[in-house]
Amino acid sequence: MSPDYRLGPEAMKYFKRAYSYQMKGDLEKAILNYLRSIEIEPTAEAYTFLGWAYSFQGRLHEAISQCQQAISLDPEFGNPYNDIGAYYLQMGKTDEAIEWLQKAKQARRYENPEFAYCNLARVYELKALWPLALEEYKQALHIRPGYSPAVDGLGRLNAHLN
């Protein structure tokens, strides 16, 4: 995921640095750089990725709060909706996850909508709603053929149902 193309060069520099630190596992430096990027120029992307960094630290409530900030800046950006749903899923709050994942699926600006379909399928699996889970996995594969979480999910469900 790349940040919004309208991001200025200074904020972009900190965003890219933050992402690099996060990919290396240095979450503290990542968080500081996301915060600096936001200080220079608040964007939905930076808030979402800051939330993602917090989630790696197990700070799920703070992660959700950052995603809500992202949504307030850009309600059409799909990532924060999906991420909130995923965080609720991690917390075992499947009913709360559903509404956010449904919103992610409807977002107009979302590079990876297959994530939301797979996360929603996982929710339906946990709730033993097999036909709904199957449909979500199939939709994820329609969007991105070969997407391994969807392939794995379908395989798991087929093995369970047969």
Protein backbone atom coordinates (compact mmCIF):
# COMPACT_ATOMS: atom_id res chain seq x y z
CA MET A 1 0.00 0.00 0.00
CA SER A 2 1.37 3.35 -0.96
CA PRO A 3 0.33 6.54 0.78
CA ASP A 4 -1.92 9.01 -0.93
CA TYR A 5 -0.14 10.58 -3.90
CA ARG A 6 -1.02 14.05 -2.63
CA LEU A 7 1.23 13.63 0.40
CA GLY A 8 3.92 16.31 0.48
CA PRO A 9 7.58 15.38 0.25
CA GLU A 10 8.45 16.02 3.90
CA ALA A 11 5.53 14.02 5.28
CA MET A 12 6.19 11.30 2.68
CA LYS A 13 9.80 11.04 3.83
CA TYR A 14 8.69 10.26 7.40
CA PHE A 15 5.92 7.95 6.25
CA LYS A 16 8.35 5.89 4.14
CA ARG A 17 10.88 5.84 6.95
CA ALA A 18 8.18 4.67 9.38
CA TYR A 19 7.07 1.91 7.04
CA SER A 20 10.67 0.76 6.60
CA TYR A 21 11.20 0.62 10.35
CA GLN A 22 7.95 -1.29 10.77
CA MET A 23 8.95 -3.87 8.17
CA LYS A 24 12.24 -4.35 10.06
CA GLY A 25 10.33 -4.84 13.32
CA ASP A 26 11.44 -1.59 14.96
CA LEU A 27 7.98 -0.51 16.04
CA GLU A 28 9.06 2.33 18.33
CA LYS A 29 10.94 4.10 15.53
CA ALA A 30 8.09 3.35 13.15
CA ILE A 31 5.57 4.92 15.52
CA LEU A 32 7.72 8.03 16.02
CA ASN A 33 8.04 8.50 12.27
CA TYR A 34 4.32 7.95 11.60
CA LEU A 35 3.58 10.54 14.29
CA ARG A 36 6.04 12.96 12.68
CA SER A 37 4.41 12.42 9.27
CA ILE A 38 1.00 13.11 10.82
CA GLU A 39 2.33 16.21 12.55
CA ILE A 40 3.53 17.58 9.22
CA GLU A 41 0.52 16.50 7.20
CA PRO A 42 -2.26 14.32 8.65
CA THR A 43 -3.44 11.65 6.23
CA ALA A 44 -5.73 8.67 6.46
CA GLU A 45 -2.83 6.46 5.40
CA ALA A 46 -0.50 7.62 8.15
CA TYR A 47 -3.17 7.20 10.84
CA THR A 48 -4.04 3.74 9.51
CA PHE A 49 -0.44 2.60 9.42
CA LEU A 50 0.18 4.07 12.88
CA GLY A 51 -2.74 1.96 14.07
CA TRP A 52 -1.20 -1.05 12.36
CA ALA A 53 2.07 -0.45 14.25
CA TYR A 54 0.14 -0.21 17.53
CA SER A 55 -1.61 -3.48 16.72
CA PHE A 56 1.78 -5.21 16.43
CA GLN A 57 2.37 -4.13 20.02
CA GLY A 58 -0.99 -5.54 21.11
CA ARG A 59 -2.39 -2.03 21.59
CA LEU A 60 -5.62 -2.82 19.76
CA HIS A 61 -7.80 -0.11 21.30
CA GLU A 62 -5.24 2.52 20.30
CA ALA A 63 -5.04 0.95 16.84
CA ILE A 64 -8.80 1.25 16.48
CA SER A 65 -8.66 4.87 17.60
CA GLN A 66 -6.06 5.69 14.94
CA CYS A 67 -8.18 4.01 12.27
CA GLN A 68 -11.17 6.07 13.36
CA GLN A 69 -9.02 9.18 12.89
CA ALA A 70 -8.19 7.95 9.39
CA ILE A 71 -11.86 7.47 8.58
CA SER A 72 -12.67 10.97 9.78
CA LEU A 73 -10.11 12.32 7.29
CA ASP A 74 -11.10 10.09 4.37
CA PRO A 75 -14.29 8.01 4.71
CA GLU A 76 -13.69 6.48 1.25
CA PHE A 77 -10.37 4.87 2.24
CA GLY A 78 -11.00 1.15 2.83
CA ASN A 79 -7.97 0.10 4.85
CA PRO A 80 -8.99 1.53 8.23
CA TYR A 81 -12.43 -0.12 8.07
CA ASN A 82 -10.83 -3.48 7.36
CA ASP A 83 -8.23 -2.96 10.04
CA ILE A 84 -10.84 -2.13 12.68
CA GLY A 85 -12.71 -5.28 11.70
CA ALA A 86 -9.50 -7.30 11.93
CA TYR A 87 -8.70 -5.85 15.36
CA TYR A 88 -12.17 -6.72 16.65
CA LEU A 89 -11.69 -10.19 15.20
CA GLN A 90 -8.41 -10.48 17.14
CA MET A 91 -10.28 -9.43 20.27
CA GLY A 92 -12.90 -12.13 19.69
CA LYS A 93 -15.61 -9.51 19.05
CA THR A 94 -16.96 -11.04 15.86
CA ASP A 95 -20.26 -9.15 15.81
CA GLU A 96 -18.44 -5.82 16.02
CA ALA A 97 -16.05 -6.94 13.28
CA ILE A 98 -18.84 -7.63 10.78
CA GLU A 99 -20.05 -4.04 10.41
CA TRP A 100 -16.53 -2.70 9.83
CA LEU A 101 -15.63 -5.38 7.31
CA GLN A 102 -18.86 -4.73 5.42
CA LYS A 103 -17.92 -1.04 5.27
CA ALA A 104 -14.46 -1.94 4.00
CA LYS A 105 -16.01 -3.95 1.17
CA GLN A 106 -18.00 -0.87 0.13
CA ALA A 107 -15.14 1.62 0.28
CA ARG A 108 -14.42 3.34 -3.02
CA ARG A 109 -10.70 3.76 -2.41
CA TYR A 110 -9.30 0.40 -1.40
CA GLU A 111 -6.43 -1.32 -3.20
CA ASN A 112 -6.91 -4.70 -1.51
CA PRO A 113 -10.62 -5.36 -0.93
CA GLU A 114 -9.90 -9.10 -0.90
CA PHE A 115 -8.55 -8.58 2.64
CA ALA A 116 -11.99 -7.55 3.89
CA TYR A 117 -13.69 -10.47 2.14
CA CYS A 118 -11.27 -12.94 3.74
CA ASN A 119 -11.57 -11.37 7.17
CA LEU A 120 -15.33 -11.48 6.92
CA ALA A 121 -15.13 -15.12 5.81
CA ARG A 122 -13.06 -15.84 8.93
CA VAL A 123 -15.74 -14.21 11.08
CA TYR A 124 -18.43 -16.33 9.43
CA GLU A 125 -16.30 -19.44 9.91
CA LEU A 126 -16.01 -18.70 13.62
CA LYS A 127 -19.77 -18.23 13.80
CA ALA A 128 -20.32 -21.53 11.89
CA LEU A 129 -22.06 -19.67 9.06
CA TRP A 130 -20.50 -21.91 6.42
CA PRO A 131 -22.40 -20.77 3.28
CA LEU A 132 -21.63 -17.12 4.04
CA ALA A 133 -17.96 -17.93 4.69
CA LEU A 134 -17.72 -19.84 1.42
CA GLU A 135 -19.22 -16.95 -0.51
CA GLU A 136 -16.80 -14.43 1.01
CA TYR A 137 -13.78 -16.60 0.20
CA LYS A 138 -15.06 -17.03 -3.36
CA GLN A 139 -15.47 -13.27 -3.72
CA ALA A 140 -11.93 -12.71 -2.46
CA LEU A 141 -10.66 -15.13 -5.11
CA HIS A 142 -12.74 -13.42 -7.77
CA ILE A 143 -10.99 -10.15 -6.89
CA ARG A 144 -7.53 -11.69 -6.56
CA PRO A 145 -7.19 -15.15 -8.07
CA GLY A 146 -4.84 -17.38 -6.11
CA TYR A 147 -4.98 -15.24 -2.95
CA SER A 148 -3.58 -17.76 -0.48
CA PRO A 149 -5.68 -16.89 2.60
CA ALA A 150 -8.82 -17.40 0.49
CA VAL A 151 -7.49 -20.58 -1.08
CA ASP A 152 -6.58 -21.89 2.39
CA GLY A 153 -9.94 -20.87 3.81
CA LEU A 154 -11.85 -22.61 1.05
CA GLY A 155 -9.75 -25.72 1.54
CA ARG A 156 -10.36 -25.66 5.28
CA LEU A 157 -14.10 -25.22 4.83
CA ASN A 158 -14.36 -27.90 2.16
CA ALA A 159 -12.48 -30.35 4.39
CA HIS A 160 -14.76 -29.48 7.29
CA LEU A 161 -17.96 -29.78 5.27
CA ASN A 162 -17.04 -33.06 3.52
